[in-house]
Structure formats: structure tokens, C-alpha cells
Amino acid sequence: MAGPDLSALEAADARLARAFGPLGTLDPSRAEATSSVALYATLAPRCQGIPGMAEALAGGLVSVADATIEHFPDNQLFDFDALAAALVRDSADAAALAATFDDVVSLHALFGRRTAIRFRYVHDFVYGFDWAKWVRRDPAKRAGVGPFQRRFLKVLLGRGQELLQLIATDDAKYPLLSDDQPRNPFSFSREPADELRLHRELAAEGLLPVEAWRVDAVPVWDRPFADLRAERAAHA
């Protein structure tokens, strides 16, 4: 049986390159993030024997690339390796894999520039900051849930709806914003140059919950990653 049409992956990589130029990574061993084509080549062998799985992987990688372009035009880092590997590993069949990719795309749409939330980057999701904070609130019940499993993705989708409600009331932490201003509820700068400098420092010091550039990443939740990030930013 023929596999996926790789031209769709190549076209997605071309769209990413037009939108962002060289794709940033926190991998200390290389200058650019893994392309969609290369990530597919790495993960497709794990799909063997499951009908439609490789096609769902290819389609999912294309959809995430396009969702990033559409909803996060200022995104700086593109390490989707751990995310894609986890989705393949945790999906029993092609339908489950496609559905989980759909959840990821929905998260992009909910938290990106097209809604009142208007976060600037996918970094907090991809590098596990949102997940680690969630697990630390109730580790007895949550430590067994991975950062890209559907249970946590549903939590984030629910949180997005909560944020929209807070914004609608002009909440002190999540106020209404004017024009297309990106939202930054953090105590430190998230301007692009500051964002890159801070997260490269965190990666070098092993202070990321998820080393997202690794398909064999082992997520870690039991450190105060959000506080450590804020401390590093304050002393930059």
C-alpha cells in the first residue's frame, strides 16, 4: 500500500520557511528545528502495522505547521519532536492519532491571535511549562498524565474557555487588550529577543519540563519550573 504523499510535508516546510525563516530550536547540537519531512521520516517506522497511522501522522504534522503559521505568527521556537512522538506513542490507531492532532490544532486556534487570548508563542505548551504547573497542583492524581496526552489537552481547552470568560470581564490579570497587542500575563518580558535568550539559557541549564527537540524526551514536573524561569528572567 502506498504511503502518504510527502509533497504535502515538503509544502508545509516551505510555508514555515516563508513565514518564519530558519526555524529556531533549543537543541544545543543544531541550528534549526527538525523539519516536518525529517520528523515524519523518524516517526513513520513507529506507525508500521497500523492501518492509516502513517497518513494520520503526516496529516497531523502538516496541520500543526499550518496552525502555527496562522495563529502564532511571532513564534520563535519550533521543536515539535517530543509532541509528535508522544502522540504516536499514545495513540492506539489512526483515528486516535488524528483526533489528538486535532486537539493540538484546536489549542493553537484557541490561544492564538484570532481570539481575545492572543498569546504570542506556543512555547509554554510545547516545552511543558503549563503541564508541569498543572501536575504540581495535584501530583497524586496527575503525575501519570503526560504533557501531550488527551486528558491534559482537554484540560487546556477548558482553561482556554475560562480565560475567555475572565477577559470578557476585563479581569485584572487577563484584561481586555486593544488592537492586536499580544498578551503577556507574566512578570517578565516576552519580547522575541528576550524570549529566545531566556529559553536558550533554561535549555542549557536543564530547566525545561520537556526537552521538546527530542523524540525520546522524558518530561519532568517535580521542580518549580515556572518560578525558576521567572527568577532567571529577573536576573537577565
C-alpha atoms as a PDB file:
ATOM      1  CA  MET A   1       0.000   0.000   0.000  1.00  0.00           C
ATOM      2  CA  ALA A   2       1.331   3.433  -0.880  1.00  0.00           C
ATOM      3  CA  GLY A   3       2.340   5.725   1.951  1.00  0.00           C
ATOM      4  CA  PRO A   4       1.486   9.382   2.404  1.00  0.00           C
ATOM      5  CA  ASP A   5       2.260  11.925  -0.253  1.00  0.00           C
ATOM      6  CA  LEU A   6       5.415  13.532   1.104  1.00  0.00           C
ATOM      7  CA  SER A   7       4.906  16.544  -1.117  1.00  0.00           C
ATOM      8  CA  ALA A   8       2.342  17.804   1.422  1.00  0.00           C
ATOM      9  CA  LEU A   9       5.019  17.721   4.130  1.00  0.00           C
ATOM     10  CA  GLU A  10       7.514  19.423   1.852  1.00  0.00           C
ATOM     11  CA  ALA A  11       4.968  22.119   1.068  1.00  0.00           C
ATOM     12  CA  ALA A  12       4.296  22.637   4.785  1.00  0.00           C
ATOM     13  CA  ASP A  13       8.011  23.090   5.410  1.00  0.00           C
ATOM     14  CA  ALA A  14       8.140  25.614   2.577  1.00  0.00           C
ATOM     15  CA  ARG A  15       5.258  27.563   4.132  1.00  0.00           C
ATOM     16  CA  LEU A  16       7.002  27.575   7.501  1.00  0.00           C
ATOM     17  CA  ALA A  17      10.203  28.838   5.895  1.00  0.00           C
ATOM     18  CA  ARG A  18       8.349  31.658   4.141  1.00  0.00           C
ATOM     19  CA  ALA A  19       6.586  32.642   7.348  1.00  0.00           C
ATOM     20  CA  PHE A  20       9.461  32.369   9.817  1.00  0.00           C
ATOM     21  CA  GLY A  21      12.758  31.908   8.009  1.00  0.00           C
ATOM     22  CA  PRO A  22      15.128  29.435   9.696  1.00  0.00           C
ATOM     23  CA  LEU A  23      13.137  27.612  12.370  1.00  0.00           C
ATOM     24  CA  GLY A  24      14.516  28.185  15.857  1.00  0.00           C
ATOM     25  CA  THR A  25      15.360  25.314  18.177  1.00  0.00           C
ATOM     26  CA  LEU A  26      16.642  24.851  21.721  1.00  0.00           C
ATOM     27  CA  ASP A  27      18.613  21.778  20.674  1.00  0.00           C
ATOM     28  CA  PRO A  28      22.223  22.656  21.514  1.00  0.00           C
ATOM     29  CA  SER A  29      23.534  20.368  18.770  1.00  0.00           C
ATOM     30  CA  ARG A  30      21.994  22.087  15.748  1.00  0.00           C
ATOM     31  CA  ALA A  31      20.967  25.462  14.415  1.00  0.00           C
ATOM     32  CA  GLU A  32      17.443  24.708  13.168  1.00  0.00           C
ATOM     33  CA  ALA A  33      14.439  22.724  14.350  1.00  0.00           C
ATOM     34  CA  THR A  34      13.559  19.385  12.776  1.00  0.00           C
ATOM     35  CA  SER A  35      11.605  19.813   9.558  1.00  0.00           C
ATOM     36  CA  SER A  36       8.218  18.197   9.082  1.00  0.00           C
ATOM     37  CA  VAL A  37       9.734  15.886   6.467  1.00  0.00           C
ATOM     38  CA  ALA A  38      12.558  14.793   8.773  1.00  0.00           C
ATOM     39  CA  LEU A  39      10.261  14.325  11.753  1.00  0.00           C
ATOM     40  CA  TYR A  40       7.949  12.181   9.659  1.00  0.00           C
ATOM     41  CA  ALA A  41      10.895  10.078   8.492  1.00  0.00           C
ATOM     42  CA  THR A  42      11.897   9.467  12.115  1.00  0.00           C
ATOM     43  CA  LEU A  43       8.442   8.585  13.395  1.00  0.00           C
ATOM     44  CA  ALA A  44       6.854   6.788  10.425  1.00  0.00           C
ATOM     45  CA  PRO A  45       8.577   3.457  11.255  1.00  0.00           C
ATOM     46  CA  ARG A  46       6.741   3.511  14.591  1.00  0.00           C
ATOM     47  CA  CYS A  47       3.456   3.538  12.665  1.00  0.00           C
ATOM     48  CA  GLN A  48       4.109   0.317  10.776  1.00  0.00           C
ATOM     49  CA  GLY A  49       1.440  -2.323  11.052  1.00  0.00           C
ATOM     50  CA  ILE A  50      -1.341   0.093  11.990  1.00  0.00           C
ATOM     51  CA  PRO A  51      -3.591   0.938   9.021  1.00  0.00           C
ATOM     52  CA  GLY A  52      -3.672   4.628   8.205  1.00  0.00           C
ATOM     53  CA  MET A  53      -1.323   5.577  11.032  1.00  0.00           C
ATOM     54  CA  ALA A  54       1.455   6.979   8.851  1.00  0.00           C
ATOM     55  CA  GLU A  55      -1.084   9.010   6.882  1.00  0.00           C
ATOM     56  CA  ALA A  56      -2.520  10.402  10.140  1.00  0.00           C
ATOM     57  CA  LEU A  57       0.990  11.346  11.261  1.00  0.00           C
ATOM     58  CA  ALA A  58       1.739  13.147   8.015  1.00  0.00           C
ATOM     59  CA  GLY A  59      -1.581  14.963   8.055  1.00  0.00           C
ATOM     60  CA  GLY A  60      -1.122  15.930  11.679  1.00  0.00           C
ATOM     61  CA  LEU A  61       2.331  17.382  11.116  1.00  0.00           C
ATOM     62  CA  VAL A  62       1.002  19.468   8.234  1.00  0.00           C
ATOM     63  CA  SER A  63      -1.930  20.706  10.307  1.00  0.00           C
ATOM     64  CA  VAL A  64       0.288  21.737  13.229  1.00  0.00           C
ATOM     65  CA  ALA A  65       2.634  23.582  10.892  1.00  0.00           C
ATOM     66  CA  ASP A  66      -0.257  25.491   9.331  1.00  0.00           C
ATOM     67  CA  ALA A  67      -1.857  26.192  12.729  1.00  0.00           C
ATOM     68  CA  THR A  68       1.395  27.704  13.961  1.00  0.00           C
ATOM     69  CA  ILE A  69       1.631  29.946  10.900  1.00  0.00           C
ATOM     70  CA  GLU A  70      -1.998  31.022  11.224  1.00  0.00           C
ATOM     71  CA  HIS A  71      -2.280  31.565  14.957  1.00  0.00           C
ATOM     72  CA  PHE A  72       1.245  32.310  16.205  1.00  0.00           C
ATOM     73  CA  PRO A  73       2.988  34.443  13.562  1.00  0.00           C
ATOM     74  CA  ASP A  74       5.562  35.654  16.133  1.00  0.00           C
ATOM     75  CA  ASN A  75       6.521  32.168  17.288  1.00  0.00           C
ATOM     76  CA  GLN A  76      10.264  31.751  17.815  1.00  0.00           C
ATOM     77  CA  LEU A  77      10.877  28.050  18.507  1.00  0.00           C
ATOM     78  CA  PHE A  78       9.637  25.027  16.554  1.00  0.00           C
ATOM     79  CA  ASP A  79      10.655  21.934  18.486  1.00  0.00           C
ATOM     80  CA  PHE A  80       7.676  19.660  17.841  1.00  0.00           C
ATOM     81  CA  ASP A  81       9.635  16.411  18.086  1.00  0.00           C
ATOM     82  CA  ALA A  82       8.538  15.347  21.593  1.00  0.00           C
ATOM     83  CA  LEU A  83       4.951  16.347  20.870  1.00  0.00           C
ATOM     84  CA  ALA A  84       4.680  14.299  17.685  1.00  0.00           C
ATOM     85  CA  ALA A  85       6.497  11.313  19.187  1.00  0.00           C
ATOM     86  CA  ALA A  86       4.195  11.294  22.218  1.00  0.00           C
ATOM     87  CA  LEU A  87       1.083  11.466  20.049  1.00  0.00           C
ATOM     88  CA  VAL A  88       2.254   8.477  18.000  1.00  0.00           C
ATOM     89  CA  ARG A  89       3.203   6.513  21.097  1.00  0.00           C
ATOM     90  CA  ASP A  90      -0.064   7.176  22.931  1.00  0.00           C
ATOM     91  CA  SER A  91      -2.439   6.570  20.012  1.00  0.00           C
ATOM     92  CA  ALA A  92      -3.860   3.101  19.547  1.00  0.00           C
ATOM     93  CA  ASP A  93      -4.917   3.680  15.953  1.00  0.00           C
ATOM     94  CA  ALA A  94      -5.042   6.231  13.154  1.00  0.00           C
ATOM     95  CA  ALA A  95      -8.338   7.711  14.289  1.00  0.00           C
ATOM     96  CA  ALA A  96      -6.985   8.363  17.777  1.00  0.00           C
ATOM     97  CA  LEU A  97      -3.825   9.947  16.381  1.00  0.00           C
ATOM     98  CA  ALA A  98      -5.798  12.216  14.056  1.00  0.00           C
ATOM     99  CA  ALA A  99      -8.137  13.222  16.885  1.00  0.00           C
ATOM    100  CA  THR A 100      -5.258  14.150  19.166  1.00  0.00           C
ATOM    101  CA  PHE A 101      -3.613  16.213  16.442  1.00  0.00           C
ATOM    102  CA  ASP A 102      -6.999  17.910  16.023  1.00  0.00           C
ATOM    103  CA  ASP A 103      -6.926  18.809  19.731  1.00  0.00           C
ATOM    104  CA  VAL A 104      -3.485  20.361  19.314  1.00  0.00           C
ATOM    105  CA  VAL A 105      -4.720  22.416  16.371  1.00  0.00           C
ATOM    106  CA  SER A 106      -7.740  23.490  18.415  1.00  0.00           C
ATOM    107  CA  LEU A 107      -5.404  24.665  21.174  1.00  0.00           C
ATOM    108  CA  HIS A 108      -3.496  26.767  18.666  1.00  0.00           C
ATOM    109  CA  ALA A 109      -6.718  28.332  17.459  1.00  0.00           C
ATOM    110  CA  LEU A 110      -7.994  28.978  20.987  1.00  0.00           C
ATOM    111  CA  PHE A 111      -4.860  30.532  22.467  1.00  0.00           C
ATOM    112  CA  GLY A 112      -3.511  32.335  19.398  1.00  0.00           C
ATOM    113  CA  ARG A 113      -4.037  35.662  17.731  1.00  0.00           C
ATOM    114  CA  ARG A 114      -7.567  35.023  16.435  1.00  0.00           C
ATOM    115  CA  THR A 115      -9.195  35.094  19.882  1.00  0.00           C
ATOM    116  CA  ALA A 116      -9.119  37.540  22.777  1.00  0.00           C
ATOM    117  CA  ILE A 117      -6.456  35.418  24.499  1.00  0.00           C
ATOM    118  CA  ARG A 118      -3.762  36.272  21.938  1.00  0.00           C
ATOM    119  CA  PHE A 119      -0.730  34.574  23.419  1.00  0.00           C
ATOM    120  CA  ARG A 120       2.368  35.124  21.333  1.00  0.00           C
ATOM    121  CA  TYR A 121       4.101  31.736  21.353  1.00  0.00           C
ATOM    122  CA  VAL A 122       3.439  28.007  21.656  1.00  0.00           C
ATOM    123  CA  HIS A 123       6.482  27.655  23.912  1.00  0.00           C
ATOM    124  CA  ASP A 124       4.696  27.235  27.255  1.00  0.00           C
ATOM    125  CA  PHE A 125       2.758  24.295  25.842  1.00  0.00           C
ATOM    126  CA  VAL A 126       5.493  22.635  23.804  1.00  0.00           C
ATOM    127  CA  TYR A 127       8.206  22.893  26.472  1.00  0.00           C
ATOM    128  CA  GLY A 128       5.829  21.700  29.186  1.00  0.00           C
ATOM    129  CA  PHE A 129       5.512  24.713  31.482  1.00  0.00           C
ATOM    130  CA  ASP A 130       1.709  24.594  31.502  1.00  0.00           C
ATOM    131  CA  TRP A 131       1.756  20.853  32.145  1.00  0.00           C
ATOM    132  CA  ALA A 132       4.349  20.891  34.945  1.00  0.00           C
ATOM    133  CA  LYS A 133       2.433  23.604  36.782  1.00  0.00           C
ATOM    134  CA  TRP A 134      -0.794  21.603  36.461  1.00  0.00           C
ATOM    135  CA  VAL A 135       0.760  18.367  37.730  1.00  0.00           C
ATOM    136  CA  ARG A 136       2.383  20.104  40.724  1.00  0.00           C
ATOM    137  CA  ARG A 137      -1.035  21.233  41.935  1.00  0.00           C
ATOM    138  CA  ASP A 138      -2.131  17.602  42.495  1.00  0.00           C
ATOM    139  CA  PRO A 139       0.707  15.171  41.767  1.00  0.00           C
ATOM    140  CA  ALA A 140      -1.034  12.212  43.379  1.00  0.00           C
ATOM    141  CA  LYS A 141      -3.728  12.334  40.704  1.00  0.00           C
ATOM    142  CA  ARG A 142      -1.845  13.897  37.809  1.00  0.00           C
ATOM    143  CA  ALA A 143       1.753  12.654  37.775  1.00  0.00           C
ATOM    144  CA  GLY A 144       0.835   9.812  35.434  1.00  0.00           C
ATOM    145  CA  VAL A 145      -0.578  12.146  32.787  1.00  0.00           C
ATOM    146  CA  GLY A 146       1.858  13.225  30.072  1.00  0.00           C
ATOM    147  CA  PRO A 147       2.096  16.748  28.674  1.00  0.00           C
ATOM    148  CA  PHE A 148       0.626  15.721  25.330  1.00  0.00           C
ATOM    149  CA  GLN A 149      -1.929  13.133  26.375  1.00  0.00           C
ATOM    150  CA  ARG A 150      -5.532  13.868  25.530  1.00  0.00           C
ATOM    151  CA  ARG A 151      -6.543  14.206  29.178  1.00  0.00           C
ATOM    152  CA  PHE A 152      -4.240  17.187  29.580  1.00  0.00           C
ATOM    153  CA  LEU A 153      -5.098  18.645  26.176  1.00  0.00           C
ATOM    154  CA  LYS A 154      -8.747  18.678  27.269  1.00  0.00           C
ATOM    155  CA  VAL A 155      -7.707  20.476  30.470  1.00  0.00           C
ATOM    156  CA  LEU A 156      -6.024  23.163  28.387  1.00  0.00           C
ATOM    157  CA  LEU A 157      -9.044  23.519  26.123  1.00  0.00           C
ATOM    158  CA  GLY A 158     -11.169  24.051  29.220  1.00  0.00           C
ATOM    159  CA  ARG A 159      -8.692  26.543  30.611  1.00  0.00           C
ATOM    160  CA  GLY A 160      -8.863  28.485  27.380  1.00  0.00           C
ATOM    161  CA  GLN A 161     -12.594  28.880  27.779  1.00  0.00           C
ATOM    162  CA  GLU A 162     -12.076  30.065  31.365  1.00  0.00           C
ATOM    163  CA  LEU A 163      -9.597  32.671  30.153  1.00  0.00           C
ATOM    164  CA  LEU A 164     -12.047  33.961  27.574  1.00  0.00           C
ATOM    165  CA  GLN A 165     -14.605  34.439  30.329  1.00  0.00           C
ATOM    166  CA  LEU A 166     -12.091  36.296  32.503  1.00  0.00           C
ATOM    167  CA  ILE A 167     -11.062  38.522  29.608  1.00  0.00           C
ATOM    168  CA  ALA A 168     -14.687  39.347  28.859  1.00  0.00           C
ATOM    169  CA  THR A 169     -14.975  40.787  32.394  1.00  0.00           C
ATOM    170  CA  ASP A 170     -11.727  42.778  31.968  1.00  0.00           C
ATOM    171  CA  ASP A 171     -10.020  40.745  34.683  1.00  0.00           C
ATOM    172  CA  ALA A 172      -7.037  42.349  36.419  1.00  0.00           C
ATOM    173  CA  LYS A 173      -4.610  39.634  35.291  1.00  0.00           C
ATOM    174  CA  TYR A 174      -6.313  38.947  31.968  1.00  0.00           C
ATOM    175  CA  PRO A 175      -7.709  42.304  30.832  1.00  0.00           C
ATOM    176  CA  LEU A 176      -9.196  43.262  27.524  1.00  0.00           C
ATOM    177  CA  LEU A 177      -6.463  44.263  25.080  1.00  0.00           C
ATOM    178  CA  SER A 178      -6.540  46.909  22.412  1.00  0.00           C
ATOM    179  CA  ASP A 179      -5.908  46.249  18.738  1.00  0.00           C
ATOM    180  CA  ASP A 180      -3.669  43.227  18.080  1.00  0.00           C
ATOM    181  CA  GLN A 181      -1.492  43.574  21.171  1.00  0.00           C
ATOM    182  CA  PRO A 182      -0.123  40.174  22.248  1.00  0.00           C
ATOM    183  CA  ARG A 183      -0.948  39.096  25.779  1.00  0.00           C
ATOM    184  CA  ASN A 184       1.736  38.721  28.434  1.00  0.00           C
ATOM    185  CA  PRO A 185       0.401  37.864  31.907  1.00  0.00           C
ATOM    186  CA  PHE A 186       3.924  37.131  33.149  1.00  0.00           C
ATOM    187  CA  SER A 187       6.143  39.314  35.303  1.00  0.00           C
ATOM    188  CA  PHE A 188       8.967  39.313  32.748  1.00  0.00           C
ATOM    189  CA  SER A 189       9.460  40.436  29.180  1.00  0.00           C
ATOM    190  CA  ARG A 190       8.430  38.085  26.429  1.00  0.00           C
ATOM    191  CA  GLU A 191       9.594  40.216  23.568  1.00  0.00           C
ATOM    192  CA  PRO A 192      11.175  37.993  20.888  1.00  0.00           C
ATOM    193  CA  ALA A 193      14.845  38.662  21.700  1.00  0.00           C
ATOM    194  CA  ASP A 194      14.229  38.243  25.439  1.00  0.00           C
ATOM    195  CA  GLU A 195      12.184  35.108  24.840  1.00  0.00           C
ATOM    196  CA  LEU A 196      14.952  33.438  22.859  1.00  0.00           C
ATOM    197  CA  ARG A 197      17.711  34.442  25.247  1.00  0.00           C
ATOM    198  CA  LEU A 198      15.808  33.248  28.314  1.00  0.00           C
ATOM    199  CA  HIS A 199      14.740  29.890  26.926  1.00  0.00           C
ATOM    200  CA  ARG A 200      18.156  29.120  25.497  1.00  0.00           C
ATOM    201  CA  GLU A 201      19.574  29.738  28.959  1.00  0.00           C
ATOM    202  CA  LEU A 202      16.944  27.478  30.515  1.00  0.00           C
ATOM    203  CA  ALA A 203      17.681  24.726  27.994  1.00  0.00           C
ATOM    204  CA  ALA A 204      21.422  24.965  28.661  1.00  0.00           C
ATOM    205  CA  GLU A 205      20.807  24.615  32.408  1.00  0.00           C
ATOM    206  CA  GLY A 206      18.327  21.733  32.119  1.00  0.00           C
ATOM    207  CA  LEU A 207      15.459  23.874  33.372  1.00  0.00           C
ATOM    208  CA  LEU A 208      12.761  22.906  30.874  1.00  0.00           C
ATOM    209  CA  PRO A 209       9.998  20.443  31.823  1.00  0.00           C
ATOM    210  CA  VAL A 210      10.146  18.947  28.310  1.00  0.00           C
ATOM    211  CA  GLU A 211      13.211  18.837  26.058  1.00  0.00           C
ATOM    212  CA  ALA A 212      10.881  19.224  23.132  1.00  0.00           C
ATOM    213  CA  TRP A 213      13.545  18.741  20.447  1.00  0.00           C
ATOM    214  CA  ARG A 214      13.956  15.081  21.463  1.00  0.00           C
ATOM    215  CA  VAL A 215      11.670  12.298  20.274  1.00  0.00           C
ATOM    216  CA  ASP A 216      12.796  10.386  23.388  1.00  0.00           C
ATOM    217  CA  ALA A 217      12.194  13.267  25.795  1.00  0.00           C
ATOM    218  CA  VAL A 218      11.365  12.332  29.396  1.00  0.00           C
ATOM    219  CA  PRO A 219       9.075  15.047  30.803  1.00  0.00           C
ATOM    220  CA  VAL A 220       9.820  16.254  34.332  1.00  0.00           C
ATOM    221  CA  TRP A 221       7.283  18.013  36.537  1.00  0.00           C
ATOM    222  CA  ASP A 222       8.704  17.887  40.062  1.00  0.00           C
ATOM    223  CA  ARG A 223      10.640  21.146  40.007  1.00  0.00           C
ATOM    224  CA  PRO A 224       9.234  24.699  40.227  1.00  0.00           C
ATOM    225  CA  PHE A 225       9.970  25.400  36.569  1.00  0.00           C
ATOM    226  CA  ALA A 226       7.738  28.467  36.309  1.00  0.00           C
ATOM    227  CA  ASP A 227       9.393  30.093  39.338  1.00  0.00           C
ATOM    228  CA  LEU A 228      12.868  29.198  38.102  1.00  0.00           C
ATOM    229  CA  ARG A 229      12.083  30.752  34.730  1.00  0.00           C
ATOM    230  CA  ALA A 230      10.861  33.958  36.349  1.00  0.00           C
ATOM    231  CA  GLU A 231      13.989  34.093  38.515  1.00  0.00           C
ATOM    232  CA  ARG A 232      16.282  33.679  35.501  1.00  0.00           C
ATOM    233  CA  ALA A 233      14.377  36.365  33.647  1.00  0.00           C
ATOM    234  CA  ALA A 234      14.658  38.781  36.581  1.00  0.00           C
ATOM    235  CA  HIS A 235      18.432  38.382  36.634  1.00  0.00           C
ATOM    236  CA  ALA A 236      18.967  38.555  32.886  1.00  0.00           C
END
